[in-house]
N, C-alpha and C. Protein backbone atom coordinates (compact mmCIF):
# COMPACT_ATOMS: atom_id res chain seq x y z
N UNK A 1 -15.49 -11.89 88.96
CA UNK A 1 -15.65 -11.93 90.64
C UNK A 1 -16.61 -10.65 90.96
N UNK A 2 -16.91 -10.78 92.24
CA UNK A 2 -17.78 -9.83 92.74
C UNK A 2 -17.13 -8.30 93.15
N UNK A 3 -17.73 -7.22 93.20
CA UNK A 3 -17.12 -6.06 93.37
C UNK A 3 -16.65 -5.88 94.58
N UNK A 4 -15.69 -5.14 94.63
CA UNK A 4 -14.69 -4.88 96.04
C UNK A 4 -15.58 -4.77 97.09
N UNK A 5 -16.61 -4.03 97.03
CA UNK A 5 -17.57 -3.63 98.37
C UNK A 5 -18.30 -5.11 98.46
N UNK A 6 -18.47 -5.60 97.55
CA UNK A 6 -19.23 -6.99 98.07
C UNK A 6 -18.24 -8.16 98.66
N UNK A 7 -17.00 -8.12 98.11
CA UNK A 7 -16.11 -8.79 98.60
C UNK A 7 -15.86 -8.82 100.04
N UNK A 8 -15.66 -7.54 100.24
CA UNK A 8 -15.62 -7.16 101.83
C UNK A 8 -16.58 -7.79 102.64
N UNK A 9 -17.95 -7.56 102.19
CA UNK A 9 -19.02 -7.89 103.07
C UNK A 9 -19.08 -9.47 103.30
N UNK A 10 -18.68 -10.22 102.08
CA UNK A 10 -18.62 -11.69 102.33
C UNK A 10 -17.23 -12.02 103.02
N UNK A 11 -16.26 -11.27 103.22
CA UNK A 11 -15.09 -11.64 104.09
C UNK A 11 -15.09 -11.29 105.38
N UNK A 12 -16.23 -10.63 105.97
CA UNK A 12 -16.39 -10.35 107.00
C UNK A 12 -17.41 -11.64 107.55
N UNK A 13 -17.76 -12.61 106.92
CA UNK A 13 -18.70 -13.58 107.49
C UNK A 13 -18.26 -15.08 107.17
N UNK A 14 -17.64 -15.18 105.78
CA UNK A 14 -17.71 -16.59 105.21
C UNK A 14 -16.38 -17.49 105.78
N UNK A 15 -16.81 -18.60 105.69
CA UNK A 15 -16.03 -19.55 106.54
C UNK A 15 -14.47 -19.89 106.07
N UNK A 16 -13.76 -20.06 107.16
CA UNK A 16 -12.03 -19.85 106.95
C UNK A 16 -11.74 -21.40 107.55
N UNK A 17 -10.54 -21.67 107.48
CA UNK A 17 -9.98 -23.02 107.79
C UNK A 17 -8.51 -22.57 108.27
N UNK A 18 -8.25 -23.74 108.90
CA UNK A 18 -7.05 -23.86 109.97
C UNK A 18 -5.86 -24.43 108.96
N UNK A 19 -4.64 -24.02 108.73
CA UNK A 19 -3.76 -24.77 108.06
C UNK A 19 -2.68 -25.18 108.94
N UNK A 20 -2.41 -26.59 109.15
CA UNK A 20 -1.04 -27.19 110.11
C UNK A 20 -0.33 -27.93 108.97
N UNK A 21 0.66 -27.51 108.39
CA UNK A 21 1.11 -28.48 107.42
C UNK A 21 2.75 -27.79 107.09
N UNK A 22 3.40 -28.96 106.64
CA UNK A 22 4.66 -28.50 106.16
C UNK A 22 4.46 -28.06 104.46
N UNK A 23 5.19 -26.75 104.30
CA UNK A 23 5.09 -26.06 102.84
C UNK A 23 6.34 -25.81 102.53
N UNK A 24 6.18 -25.31 101.47
CA UNK A 24 7.63 -25.15 100.66
C UNK A 24 7.75 -23.53 100.22
N UNK A 25 9.16 -23.15 100.08
CA UNK A 25 9.31 -22.00 99.35
C UNK A 25 11.01 -22.19 98.61
N UNK A 26 10.85 -21.85 97.40
CA UNK A 26 12.04 -21.87 96.66
C UNK A 26 12.56 -20.22 96.29
N UNK A 27 13.82 -20.14 96.98
CA UNK A 27 14.24 -18.66 96.51
C UNK A 27 15.67 -18.73 95.89
N UNK A 28 15.98 -17.58 95.31
CA UNK A 28 17.59 -17.65 94.51
C UNK A 28 18.26 -17.91 95.89
N UNK A 29 19.43 -18.88 95.43
CA UNK A 29 20.41 -18.97 96.49
C UNK A 29 21.12 -17.72 97.18
N UNK A 30 21.19 -16.76 96.32
CA UNK A 30 22.10 -15.40 96.64
C UNK A 30 21.26 -14.91 98.02
N UNK A 31 19.81 -14.90 97.81
CA UNK A 31 19.61 -14.48 99.12
C UNK A 31 19.63 -14.84 100.65
N UNK A 32 20.12 -16.48 100.77
CA UNK A 32 20.47 -16.63 101.92
C UNK A 32 21.80 -16.82 102.13
N UNK A 33 22.66 -16.31 101.12
CA UNK A 33 24.13 -16.30 101.40
C UNK A 33 24.59 -14.66 102.16
N UNK A 34 23.39 -13.94 102.41
CA UNK A 34 24.05 -12.86 102.76
C UNK A 34 24.23 -13.06 104.45
N UNK A 35 24.80 -12.01 104.94
CA UNK A 35 25.43 -11.80 106.33
C UNK A 35 24.28 -12.23 107.33
N UNK A 36 23.15 -11.73 107.02
CA UNK A 36 21.78 -12.17 107.92
C UNK A 36 20.88 -12.71 107.20
N UNK A 37 20.83 -13.80 106.80
CA UNK A 37 19.65 -14.25 105.74
C UNK A 37 18.39 -14.17 106.32
N UNK A 38 17.35 -14.10 105.39
CA UNK A 38 15.96 -13.88 106.00
C UNK A 38 15.42 -14.65 104.96
N UNK A 39 15.05 -16.13 105.61
CA UNK A 39 14.33 -17.04 104.51
C UNK A 39 12.93 -16.88 104.48
N UNK A 40 12.26 -16.10 105.29
CA UNK A 40 10.84 -15.62 105.44
C UNK A 40 10.73 -14.49 105.17
N UNK A 41 11.73 -13.87 104.27
CA UNK A 41 11.63 -12.27 103.59
C UNK A 41 9.83 -12.18 102.89
N UNK A 42 9.45 -10.93 103.42
CA UNK A 42 7.99 -10.95 102.55
C UNK A 42 7.98 -9.65 102.25
N UNK A 43 9.04 -8.83 101.97
CA UNK A 43 8.71 -7.21 101.49
C UNK A 43 8.94 -7.21 99.99
N UNK A 44 9.23 -8.12 99.10
CA UNK A 44 9.40 -8.36 97.72
C UNK A 44 8.03 -8.11 97.07
N UNK A 45 6.83 -8.79 97.80
CA UNK A 45 5.22 -8.22 96.75
C UNK A 45 5.14 -7.00 97.04
N UNK A 46 5.61 -6.31 98.25
CA UNK A 46 5.33 -4.83 98.37
C UNK A 46 5.75 -4.13 97.44
N UNK A 47 7.10 -4.05 97.09
CA UNK A 47 7.84 -3.53 96.18
C UNK A 47 7.46 -3.68 94.66
N UNK A 48 7.27 -5.26 94.15
CA UNK A 48 6.97 -5.12 92.99
C UNK A 48 5.55 -5.82 92.70
N UNK A 49 4.84 -6.05 93.63
CA UNK A 49 3.53 -6.65 93.61
C UNK A 49 3.48 -8.30 93.47
N UNK A 50 2.29 -8.83 93.55
CA UNK A 50 2.54 -10.58 93.12
C UNK A 50 0.91 -10.69 93.07
N UNK A 51 0.65 -11.95 92.85
CA UNK A 51 -0.66 -12.50 92.54
C UNK A 51 -1.93 -11.79 93.49
N UNK A 52 -1.56 -11.81 94.71
CA UNK A 52 -2.62 -11.13 95.75
C UNK A 52 -2.39 -10.04 96.33
N UNK A 53 -1.19 -9.40 95.75
CA UNK A 53 -0.51 -8.19 96.72
C UNK A 53 -0.27 -6.89 95.52
N UNK A 54 -0.94 -6.05 95.80
CA UNK A 54 -0.90 -4.93 94.90
C UNK A 54 0.59 -4.32 95.04
N UNK A 55 1.05 -3.37 94.29
CA UNK A 55 2.44 -2.63 94.54
C UNK A 55 2.12 -1.92 95.73
N UNK A 56 2.98 -1.70 96.48
CA UNK A 56 2.80 -0.71 97.67
C UNK A 56 1.92 -1.61 98.44
N UNK A 57 1.53 -2.64 98.53
CA UNK A 57 0.51 -3.16 99.59
C UNK A 57 0.94 -3.53 100.66
N UNK A 58 0.89 -4.78 101.20
CA UNK A 58 1.31 -5.38 102.54
C UNK A 58 2.11 -6.62 102.27
N UNK A 59 3.00 -6.82 103.45
CA UNK A 59 4.04 -7.94 103.38
C UNK A 59 3.18 -9.28 103.30
N UNK A 60 3.55 -9.88 102.50
CA UNK A 60 2.85 -11.46 101.92
C UNK A 60 3.99 -12.54 101.68
N UNK A 61 4.05 -13.34 102.26
CA UNK A 61 4.83 -14.66 102.08
C UNK A 61 4.31 -15.69 101.34
N UNK A 62 4.82 -15.97 100.19
CA UNK A 62 4.19 -17.12 99.28
C UNK A 62 4.68 -18.16 99.32
N UNK A 63 4.04 -19.54 99.78
CA UNK A 63 4.48 -20.67 99.72
C UNK A 63 3.87 -21.62 99.09
N UNK A 64 4.16 -22.86 98.89
CA UNK A 64 3.63 -23.66 98.07
C UNK A 64 3.42 -25.01 98.88
N UNK A 65 2.44 -26.03 98.44
CA UNK A 65 2.19 -27.40 99.35
C UNK A 65 2.94 -28.48 98.80
N UNK A 66 4.02 -28.22 97.72
CA UNK A 66 4.83 -29.40 97.25
C UNK A 66 6.15 -28.51 97.03
N UNK A 67 6.96 -29.50 96.86
CA UNK A 67 8.27 -28.98 96.13
C UNK A 67 8.30 -28.56 95.09
N UNK A 68 7.90 -29.53 93.94
CA UNK A 68 7.56 -29.05 92.45
C UNK A 68 6.83 -28.06 92.46
N UNK A 69 5.89 -27.86 92.92
CA UNK A 69 5.10 -26.34 92.71
C UNK A 69 5.76 -25.31 93.02
N UNK A 70 6.85 -25.31 94.32
CA UNK A 70 7.82 -24.22 94.26
C UNK A 70 8.64 -23.78 93.56
N UNK A 71 8.95 -25.15 92.56
CA UNK A 71 10.13 -24.56 91.67
C UNK A 71 9.39 -23.97 90.34
N UNK A 72 8.14 -24.76 90.24
CA UNK A 72 7.41 -24.11 88.71
C UNK A 72 7.03 -22.58 89.24
N UNK A 73 6.48 -22.23 90.52
CA UNK A 73 6.21 -20.91 90.90
C UNK A 73 7.33 -19.58 90.63
N UNK A 74 8.49 -20.28 91.27
CA UNK A 74 9.78 -19.40 91.08
C UNK A 74 10.06 -19.14 89.63
N UNK A 75 9.78 -20.33 88.83
CA UNK A 75 10.18 -20.31 87.41
C UNK A 75 11.62 -20.97 87.32
N UNK A 76 11.94 -21.75 88.14
CA UNK A 76 13.18 -22.26 88.09
C UNK A 76 12.89 -23.72 87.21
N UNK A 77 11.61 -24.23 86.91
CA UNK A 77 11.29 -25.14 85.98
C UNK A 77 10.12 -24.90 85.40
N UNK A 78 9.51 -25.54 84.43
CA UNK A 78 8.14 -25.59 83.85
C UNK A 78 7.86 -26.95 83.35
N UNK A 79 6.33 -26.94 83.40
CA UNK A 79 5.78 -28.14 83.18
C UNK A 79 5.19 -28.19 81.52
N UNK A 80 5.61 -29.24 80.99
CA UNK A 80 5.03 -29.22 79.64
C UNK A 80 3.69 -29.80 79.56
N UNK A 81 2.92 -29.83 78.76
CA UNK A 81 1.32 -30.34 78.39
C UNK A 81 1.45 -31.81 78.70
N UNK A 82 2.83 -32.48 78.47
CA UNK A 82 2.75 -34.11 78.87
C UNK A 82 2.98 -34.39 80.39
N UNK A 83 3.00 -33.31 80.86
CA UNK A 83 3.55 -33.43 82.43
C UNK A 83 4.98 -33.38 82.88
N UNK A 84 5.79 -33.55 82.08
CA UNK A 84 7.15 -33.49 82.33
C UNK A 84 7.63 -32.32 82.59
N UNK A 85 8.61 -32.32 83.47
CA UNK A 85 9.09 -31.19 84.31
C UNK A 85 10.46 -30.77 83.55
N UNK A 86 10.88 -29.51 83.00
CA UNK A 86 11.88 -29.36 82.46
C UNK A 86 12.64 -28.12 83.47
N UNK A 87 13.91 -28.65 83.75
CA UNK A 87 14.51 -27.50 84.83
C UNK A 87 15.17 -26.67 84.04
N UNK A 88 15.26 -25.32 84.45
CA UNK A 88 16.01 -24.09 84.05
C UNK A 88 17.16 -23.94 84.85
N UNK A 89 18.49 -24.18 84.66
CA UNK A 89 19.48 -24.38 85.50
C UNK A 89 20.36 -23.01 85.25
N UNK A 90 19.76 -21.56 84.97
CA UNK A 90 20.48 -20.48 84.73
C UNK A 90 20.74 -19.89 86.20
N UNK A 91 20.00 -20.16 87.33
CA UNK A 91 20.39 -19.66 88.53
C UNK A 91 20.56 -20.75 89.42
N UNK A 92 21.31 -20.54 90.64
CA UNK A 92 21.01 -21.35 91.72
C UNK A 92 20.09 -21.23 92.84
N UNK A 93 19.22 -22.26 93.03
CA UNK A 93 18.21 -21.83 94.13
C UNK A 93 17.97 -22.76 95.20
N UNK A 94 17.25 -22.61 96.06
CA UNK A 94 17.26 -23.27 97.29
C UNK A 94 15.93 -23.49 97.63
N UNK A 95 15.56 -24.74 98.16
CA UNK A 95 14.29 -25.07 98.37
C UNK A 95 14.24 -25.30 100.12
N UNK A 96 13.23 -24.50 100.71
CA UNK A 96 13.34 -24.47 102.11
C UNK A 96 12.07 -25.20 102.46
N UNK A 97 11.81 -26.19 103.60
CA UNK A 97 10.79 -26.42 104.34
C UNK A 97 10.19 -25.46 105.11
N UNK A 98 8.82 -25.19 105.36
CA UNK A 98 8.35 -24.10 106.29
C UNK A 98 7.28 -24.92 106.89
N UNK A 99 7.22 -25.00 108.20
CA UNK A 99 6.19 -25.46 108.90
C UNK A 99 5.05 -24.34 109.23
N UNK A 100 4.05 -24.57 108.97
CA UNK A 100 3.00 -23.66 109.20
C UNK A 100 1.59 -24.19 109.95
N UNK A 101 1.27 -23.09 110.82
CA UNK A 101 0.29 -23.43 111.73
C UNK A 101 -0.44 -21.94 112.01
N UNK A 102 -1.48 -21.90 111.21
CA UNK A 102 -2.24 -20.77 111.31
C UNK A 102 -3.80 -20.79 110.78
N UNK A 103 -4.75 -20.02 111.80
CA UNK A 103 -6.10 -20.23 111.56
C UNK A 103 -6.55 -18.98 110.34
N UNK A 104 -7.86 -19.00 110.22
CA UNK A 104 -8.36 -17.87 109.28
C UNK A 104 -7.76 -17.91 108.05
N UNK A 105 -7.79 -19.10 107.13
CA UNK A 105 -7.49 -18.84 105.85
C UNK A 105 -8.64 -19.35 104.81
N UNK A 106 -8.52 -18.14 103.94
CA UNK A 106 -9.53 -18.22 103.14
C UNK A 106 -9.37 -19.44 101.90
N UNK A 107 -10.01 -20.30 101.75
CA UNK A 107 -9.63 -21.59 100.88
C UNK A 107 -10.12 -21.35 99.39
N UNK A 108 -9.42 -20.74 98.45
CA UNK A 108 -9.91 -20.42 97.04
C UNK A 108 -9.99 -21.71 96.37
N UNK A 109 -9.28 -22.66 96.99
CA UNK A 109 -9.45 -24.08 96.17
C UNK A 109 -10.94 -25.02 96.43
N UNK A 110 -11.57 -24.28 97.42
CA UNK A 110 -12.94 -24.81 97.65
C UNK A 110 -14.18 -24.16 96.70
N UNK A 111 -14.58 -24.99 95.87
CA UNK A 111 -15.49 -24.58 94.79
C UNK A 111 -16.78 -23.93 95.46
N UNK A 112 -17.24 -24.29 96.59
CA UNK A 112 -18.35 -23.35 97.44
C UNK A 112 -17.76 -21.92 97.60
N UNK A 113 -16.51 -22.00 98.12
CA UNK A 113 -16.18 -20.46 98.17
C UNK A 113 -16.08 -19.66 96.80
N UNK A 114 -15.68 -20.24 95.92
CA UNK A 114 -15.53 -19.60 94.50
C UNK A 114 -16.90 -19.17 94.02
N UNK A 115 -18.15 -20.15 94.21
CA UNK A 115 -19.31 -19.36 93.74
C UNK A 115 -19.81 -18.69 94.55
N UNK A 116 -19.43 -18.62 95.80
CA UNK A 116 -19.96 -17.29 96.73
C UNK A 116 -19.15 -15.91 96.43
N UNK A 117 -17.84 -16.15 95.80
CA UNK A 117 -17.30 -14.92 95.43
C UNK A 117 -17.64 -14.59 93.79
N UNK A 118 -18.44 -15.50 93.45
CA UNK A 118 -18.50 -15.35 91.86
C UNK A 118 -17.41 -15.48 90.85
N UNK A 119 -16.50 -16.13 91.14
CA UNK A 119 -15.01 -16.48 90.40
C UNK A 119 -14.96 -17.84 90.11
N UNK A 120 -13.70 -18.14 89.54
CA UNK A 120 -13.39 -19.50 89.08
C UNK A 120 -11.78 -19.39 89.08
N UNK A 121 -11.29 -20.63 88.82
CA UNK A 121 -9.80 -20.97 89.09
C UNK A 121 -9.28 -20.42 87.57
N UNK A 122 -9.86 -20.32 86.58
CA UNK A 122 -9.38 -19.36 85.50
C UNK A 122 -9.11 -18.29 85.59
N UNK A 123 -10.09 -17.37 86.58
CA UNK A 123 -10.03 -16.04 86.50
C UNK A 123 -8.74 -15.81 87.82
N UNK A 124 -8.69 -16.66 88.55
CA UNK A 124 -7.82 -16.34 89.95
C UNK A 124 -6.38 -16.91 89.55
N UNK A 125 -6.12 -17.78 88.29
CA UNK A 125 -4.87 -18.07 87.61
C UNK A 125 -4.27 -17.29 86.67
N UNK A 126 -5.08 -16.44 86.04
CA UNK A 126 -4.87 -15.45 85.17
C UNK A 126 -3.56 -14.36 85.25
N UNK A 127 -3.62 -13.94 84.14
CA UNK A 127 -2.48 -12.80 84.14
C UNK A 127 -2.60 -11.56 85.23
N UNK A 128 -1.93 -11.42 85.85
CA UNK A 128 -1.69 -9.98 86.89
C UNK A 128 -0.43 -8.95 86.69
N UNK A 129 0.65 -9.73 85.97
CA UNK A 129 1.79 -8.84 85.96
C UNK A 129 1.50 -7.79 85.21
N UNK A 130 1.13 -7.88 84.00
CA UNK A 130 0.94 -6.66 83.08
C UNK A 130 -0.23 -5.60 83.29
N UNK A 131 -1.22 -6.44 83.95
CA UNK A 131 -2.40 -5.53 84.41
C UNK A 131 -1.70 -4.56 85.30
N UNK A 132 -1.30 -4.93 86.38
CA UNK A 132 -0.82 -3.83 87.36
C UNK A 132 0.34 -2.83 86.71
N UNK A 133 0.43 -2.53 85.54
CA UNK A 133 1.31 -1.63 85.15
C UNK A 133 0.43 -0.42 85.06
N UNK A 134 -0.84 -0.50 84.66
CA UNK A 134 -1.95 0.56 84.44
C UNK A 134 -3.05 0.57 85.41
N UNK A 135 -3.17 -0.64 85.98
CA UNK A 135 -4.17 -0.77 87.12
C UNK A 135 -3.92 -1.52 88.24
N UNK A 136 -4.92 -2.13 88.78
CA UNK A 136 -4.88 -3.15 89.86
C UNK A 136 -5.43 -4.58 89.40
N UNK A 137 -4.59 -5.60 89.58
CA UNK A 137 -5.17 -6.96 89.11
C UNK A 137 -6.45 -7.52 89.73
N UNK A 138 -7.56 -8.21 89.04
CA UNK A 138 -8.56 -8.64 89.99
C UNK A 138 -8.10 -9.38 91.37
N UNK A 139 -7.06 -10.25 90.92
CA UNK A 139 -6.65 -11.12 92.03
C UNK A 139 -6.19 -10.11 93.17
N UNK A 140 -5.50 -8.90 93.03
CA UNK A 140 -5.15 -8.20 93.83
C UNK A 140 -5.93 -7.32 94.53
N UNK A 141 -7.02 -7.17 93.68
CA UNK A 141 -8.22 -6.44 94.61
C UNK A 141 -8.86 -7.57 95.35
N UNK A 142 -8.86 -8.70 95.17
CA UNK A 142 -9.37 -9.73 95.99
C UNK A 142 -8.48 -9.88 97.15
N UNK A 143 -7.18 -9.81 96.91
CA UNK A 143 -6.07 -9.93 98.44
C UNK A 143 -6.26 -8.61 98.99
N UNK A 144 -6.49 -7.40 98.46
CA UNK A 144 -6.72 -6.17 99.21
C UNK A 144 -7.81 -6.39 100.02
N UNK A 145 -8.69 -6.89 99.70
CA UNK A 145 -9.98 -6.96 100.45
C UNK A 145 -9.94 -7.81 101.66
N UNK A 146 -9.22 -9.17 101.11
CA UNK A 146 -8.90 -10.14 102.41
C UNK A 146 -8.20 -9.51 103.30
N UNK A 147 -7.16 -8.89 102.95
CA UNK A 147 -6.18 -8.34 103.89
C UNK A 147 -7.05 -7.12 104.66
N UNK A 148 -7.75 -6.20 104.09
CA UNK A 148 -8.45 -5.07 105.16
C UNK A 148 -9.46 -6.01 105.89
N UNK A 149 -9.97 -7.11 105.40
CA UNK A 149 -10.93 -7.71 106.44
C UNK A 149 -10.66 -7.62 107.85
N UNK A 150 -9.37 -7.62 108.03
CA UNK A 150 -8.72 -8.17 109.41
C UNK A 150 -8.88 -9.44 109.91
N UNK A 151 -9.45 -10.35 109.20
CA UNK A 151 -9.82 -11.58 109.72
C UNK A 151 -9.37 -12.73 109.03
N UNK A 152 -9.11 -12.41 107.69
CA UNK A 152 -8.34 -13.25 107.16
C UNK A 152 -6.81 -13.38 107.16
N UNK A 153 -5.98 -14.23 107.30
CA UNK A 153 -4.57 -14.31 107.46
C UNK A 153 -3.89 -14.80 106.44
N UNK A 154 -4.59 -15.74 105.63
CA UNK A 154 -4.10 -16.35 104.43
C UNK A 154 -5.11 -16.64 103.42
N UNK A 155 -4.57 -16.74 102.15
CA UNK A 155 -5.39 -17.48 100.85
C UNK A 155 -4.57 -18.58 100.58
N UNK A 156 -5.60 -19.66 100.58
CA UNK A 156 -5.18 -20.85 99.75
C UNK A 156 -5.72 -20.89 98.20
N UNK A 157 -4.75 -21.05 97.31
CA UNK A 157 -5.39 -21.09 95.78
C UNK A 157 -4.35 -21.95 94.92
N UNK A 158 -5.10 -22.16 94.10
CA UNK A 158 -4.30 -23.04 92.90
C UNK A 158 -3.42 -22.31 92.17
N UNK A 159 -1.94 -23.26 92.03
CA UNK A 159 -1.28 -22.63 91.32
C UNK A 159 -1.21 -22.28 89.74
N UNK A 160 -0.93 -20.86 89.38
CA UNK A 160 -1.17 -20.97 88.27
C UNK A 160 -0.14 -21.61 87.05
N UNK A 161 1.12 -21.85 87.76
CA UNK A 161 1.72 -22.77 86.77
C UNK A 161 1.84 -24.18 86.80
N UNK A 162 0.64 -24.61 87.76
CA UNK A 162 0.32 -26.29 87.81
C UNK A 162 -1.06 -25.99 88.24
N UNK A 163 -2.05 -25.33 87.69
CA UNK A 163 -3.39 -25.49 88.23
C UNK A 163 -4.21 -26.74 88.70
N UNK A 164 -3.77 -27.64 88.13
CA UNK A 164 -4.35 -29.02 88.25
C UNK A 164 -4.03 -29.56 89.66
N UNK A 165 -2.77 -29.56 89.95
CA UNK A 165 -2.38 -30.26 91.09
C UNK A 165 -1.66 -29.37 91.97
N UNK A 166 -1.14 -28.20 91.68
CA UNK A 166 -0.14 -27.47 92.63
C UNK A 166 -0.85 -26.48 93.38
N UNK A 167 -0.91 -26.48 94.83
CA UNK A 167 -1.51 -25.46 95.67
C UNK A 167 -0.80 -24.28 96.23
N UNK A 168 -0.86 -23.42 96.42
CA UNK A 168 -0.16 -22.50 97.23
C UNK A 168 -0.92 -21.77 98.16
N UNK A 169 0.02 -20.93 98.89
CA UNK A 169 -0.56 -20.07 100.39
C UNK A 169 -0.11 -19.00 100.20
N UNK A 170 -0.73 -17.81 100.20
CA UNK A 170 0.02 -16.56 100.46
C UNK A 170 -0.83 -16.09 101.70
N UNK A 171 0.43 -16.03 102.86
CA UNK A 171 0.22 -15.41 104.29
C UNK A 171 0.43 -13.90 104.37
N UNK A 172 -0.52 -13.35 104.67
CA UNK A 172 -0.73 -11.86 105.31
C UNK A 172 0.42 -11.72 106.61
N UNK A 173 1.35 -11.32 106.29
CA UNK A 173 2.49 -11.49 107.58
C UNK A 173 1.76 -10.29 108.69
N UNK A 174 1.29 -9.35 108.68
CA UNK A 174 0.70 -8.35 109.56
C UNK A 174 -0.51 -8.77 110.02
N UNK A 175 -0.98 -9.72 109.60
CA UNK A 175 -2.28 -10.41 110.27
C UNK A 175 -1.85 -11.51 111.21
N UNK A 176 -0.95 -11.92 111.14
CA UNK A 176 -0.32 -13.17 112.26
C UNK A 176 -0.47 -12.77 113.89
N UNK A 177 -0.84 -13.66 114.57
CA UNK A 177 -0.70 -13.27 115.97
C UNK A 177 -0.11 -14.23 116.74
N UNK A 178 0.62 -13.69 117.50
CA UNK A 178 1.73 -14.26 118.22
C UNK A 178 1.01 -15.14 119.37
N UNK A 179 1.35 -16.44 119.63
CA UNK A 179 0.58 -17.34 120.37
C UNK A 179 -0.61 -18.31 119.95
N UNK A 180 -1.04 -17.55 118.63
CA UNK A 180 -2.01 -18.14 117.67
C UNK A 180 -1.41 -18.97 116.36
N UNK A 181 -0.58 -18.31 115.93
CA UNK A 181 0.29 -18.53 114.58
C UNK A 181 1.27 -18.62 114.72
N UNK A 182 2.07 -19.56 113.70
CA UNK A 182 3.31 -19.61 113.75
C UNK A 182 4.05 -20.18 112.52
N UNK A 183 5.06 -19.69 111.54
CA UNK A 183 5.71 -19.93 110.31
C UNK A 183 6.97 -20.19 110.72
N UNK A 184 7.46 -21.41 110.47
CA UNK A 184 8.90 -21.98 111.09
C UNK A 184 9.58 -22.08 109.85
N UNK A 185 10.89 -21.56 109.49
CA UNK A 185 11.77 -21.95 108.42
C UNK A 185 12.54 -23.32 109.17
N UNK A 186 12.24 -24.43 108.57
CA UNK A 186 12.96 -25.51 109.20
C UNK A 186 14.38 -25.81 108.67
N UNK A 187 15.07 -25.81 109.44
CA UNK A 187 16.79 -26.04 109.20
C UNK A 187 17.56 -26.39 110.33
N UNK A 188 17.78 -27.91 110.28
CA UNK A 188 18.77 -28.50 111.48
C UNK A 188 20.01 -27.67 111.63
N UNK A 189 20.73 -27.22 110.62
CA UNK A 189 21.74 -26.51 111.25
C UNK A 189 21.91 -25.29 111.72
N UNK A 190 20.48 -24.63 111.87
CA UNK A 190 19.93 -23.46 112.59
C UNK A 190 20.60 -22.26 111.55
N UNK A 191 21.32 -22.62 110.49
CA UNK A 191 21.75 -21.37 110.07
C UNK A 191 20.69 -20.56 109.23
N UNK A 192 19.61 -21.10 108.79
CA UNK A 192 18.42 -20.54 108.24
C UNK A 192 17.13 -20.47 108.99
N UNK A 193 17.39 -20.89 110.27
CA UNK A 193 16.22 -21.05 111.23
C UNK A 193 15.44 -19.61 111.19
N UNK A 194 14.11 -19.58 111.23
CA UNK A 194 13.49 -18.26 111.35
C UNK A 194 11.94 -18.90 111.82
N UNK A 195 11.56 -17.80 112.61
CA UNK A 195 10.10 -18.05 113.28
C UNK A 195 9.46 -16.72 113.05
N UNK A 196 8.22 -16.55 112.37
CA UNK A 196 7.33 -15.62 112.60
C UNK A 196 5.98 -15.97 113.22
N UNK A 197 5.26 -15.00 113.75
CA UNK A 197 5.61 -13.66 113.94
C UNK A 197 6.52 -13.94 115.40
């Protein structure tokens, strides 16, 4: 991957895309049983770090493009080499449909963008949890540079749990603009309805 200073230069001009789609989020059910549930809660990555969010970084909402990937990403299930899904029934989880409409998305599933940034899917789906104990993971450096560009609102990327089929979206909540962008937790009962920004 390019050094951080060069990433910042590229992020000031690289092509960005719009996302208008239904995405998914799977969370532990206990989080939505609270008095005031927050299905679009995004402070977790600030506290513990995440793939594109360094510890102490910025609010990031992690979503997936399909329900199966949501379960794989939260580790409520895993995919065997033969493609079979194994459920891990040690905790109750809830899958939420999330409607997303935002512009300025950096698409790391586009090989042209990967070439531009001198990276690849293997590097972007690699380990980050142990690295962040002593330093900042390469994906977190990329995420920080994208966030600091002030023009990138989200990153689309390959799922580390299912890199061949799964796609994810990391949304920088503090970069969303009211009237331009919208993220909606869809719930006909209205109990879990939430809209940001």
